[in-house]
Amino acid sequence: MVAKIIVDKCTGCANCEDVCPTEAITVNDVAVVDEAECTDCGACIDECPEEAIELED
C-alpha cells in the first residue's frame, strides 16, 4: 500500500508534508508522494483537511 494524492482535491496546505514520519511527501502547488519512501502509516490521511489522500495497492 502507498499513499496517493487526489490532485483535484489537494490545496497544497502541506499538513501532510509536516506529519509524514519518513519525509515521503513534498508540496509545491500540490502534494507529491515518493512511493519508495512511503510506509503506508496513514498519518497524512488523518491530517488532510480536504480528504485528498488515500491508500492504494
C-alpha atoms as a PDB file:
ATOM      1  CA  MET A   1       0.000   0.000   0.000  1.00  0.00           C
ATOM      2  CA  VAL A   2       1.111   3.546  -0.705  1.00  0.00           C
ATOM      3  CA  ALA A   3      -0.400   7.000  -0.221  1.00  0.00           C
ATOM      4  CA  LYS A   4      -1.858   8.514  -3.382  1.00  0.00           C
ATOM      5  CA  ILE A   5      -2.799  12.166  -3.770  1.00  0.00           C
ATOM      6  CA  ILE A   6      -6.145  13.076  -5.325  1.00  0.00           C
ATOM      7  CA  VAL A   7      -4.785  16.080  -7.209  1.00  0.00           C
ATOM      8  CA  ASP A   8      -8.183  17.660  -7.848  1.00  0.00           C
ATOM      9  CA  LYS A   9      -8.802  17.872  -4.092  1.00  0.00           C
ATOM     10  CA  CYS A  10      -5.314  18.863  -2.893  1.00  0.00           C
ATOM     11  CA  THR A  11      -4.974  22.549  -1.948  1.00  0.00           C
ATOM     12  CA  GLY A  12      -1.245  22.410  -1.177  1.00  0.00           C
ATOM     13  CA  CYS A  13      -1.673  23.169   2.526  1.00  0.00           C
ATOM     14  CA  ALA A  14       1.370  20.962   3.381  1.00  0.00           C
ATOM     15  CA  ASN A  15      -0.190  19.435   6.512  1.00  0.00           C
ATOM     16  CA  CYS A  16       0.677  16.009   5.124  1.00  0.00           C
ATOM     17  CA  GLU A  17       4.286  17.019   4.486  1.00  0.00           C
ATOM     18  CA  ASP A  18       4.599  18.209   8.087  1.00  0.00           C
ATOM     19  CA  VAL A  19       3.341  14.943   9.634  1.00  0.00           C
ATOM     20  CA  CYS A  20       4.992  12.391   7.335  1.00  0.00           C
ATOM     21  CA  PRO A  21       7.498  10.489   9.501  1.00  0.00           C
ATOM     22  CA  THR A  22       9.582   9.344   6.514  1.00  0.00           C
ATOM     23  CA  GLU A  23       9.553  12.688   4.657  1.00  0.00           C
ATOM     24  CA  ALA A  24       7.972  10.906   1.667  1.00  0.00           C
ATOM     25  CA  ILE A  25       5.744  13.881   0.802  1.00  0.00           C
ATOM     26  CA  THR A  26       6.766  17.165  -0.746  1.00  0.00           C
ATOM     27  CA  VAL A  27       4.445  20.032  -1.593  1.00  0.00           C
ATOM     28  CA  ASN A  28       4.847  22.729  -4.209  1.00  0.00           C
ATOM     29  CA  ASP A  29       1.420  23.520  -5.643  1.00  0.00           C
ATOM     30  CA  VAL A  30       0.096  20.070  -4.706  1.00  0.00           C
ATOM     31  CA  ALA A  31       1.433  17.172  -2.662  1.00  0.00           C
ATOM     32  CA  VAL A  32       3.629  14.522  -4.274  1.00  0.00           C
ATOM     33  CA  VAL A  33       4.401  11.164  -2.651  1.00  0.00           C
ATOM     34  CA  ASP A  34       7.735   9.394  -3.080  1.00  0.00           C
ATOM     35  CA  GLU A  35       6.387   5.850  -3.277  1.00  0.00           C
ATOM     36  CA  ALA A  36       9.767   4.346  -2.380  1.00  0.00           C
ATOM     37  CA  GLU A  37       9.750   6.212   0.946  1.00  0.00           C
ATOM     38  CA  CYS A  38       6.049   5.824   1.855  1.00  0.00           C
ATOM     39  CA  THR A  39       5.423   3.246   4.602  1.00  0.00           C
ATOM     40  CA  ASP A  40       1.588   3.462   4.408  1.00  0.00           C
ATOM     41  CA  CYS A  41       1.331   4.633   8.019  1.00  0.00           C
ATOM     42  CA  GLY A  42      -1.728   6.785   7.256  1.00  0.00           C
ATOM     43  CA  ALA A  43      -0.575   9.865   9.196  1.00  0.00           C
ATOM     44  CA  CYS A  44      -1.069  12.034   6.109  1.00  0.00           C
ATOM     45  CA  ILE A  45      -4.588  10.744   5.560  1.00  0.00           C
ATOM     46  CA  ASP A  46      -5.611  11.627   9.102  1.00  0.00           C
ATOM     47  CA  GLU A  47      -4.138  15.133   8.749  1.00  0.00           C
ATOM     48  CA  CYS A  48      -5.548  16.097   5.322  1.00  0.00           C
ATOM     49  CA  PRO A  49      -8.454  18.557   5.716  1.00  0.00           C
ATOM     50  CA  GLU A  50      -9.529  18.058   2.097  1.00  0.00           C
ATOM     51  CA  GLU A  51      -9.590  14.218   2.198  1.00  0.00           C
ATOM     52  CA  ALA A  52      -7.207  14.320  -0.790  1.00  0.00           C
ATOM     53  CA  ILE A  53      -5.098  11.304   0.177  1.00  0.00           C
ATOM     54  CA  GLU A  54      -5.948   7.613   0.068  1.00  0.00           C
ATOM     55  CA  LEU A  55      -4.003   4.370   0.330  1.00  0.00           C
ATOM     56  CA  GLU A  56      -3.761   2.238  -2.800  1.00  0.00           C
ATOM     57  CA  ASP A  57      -2.032  -1.012  -3.701  1.00  0.00           C
END
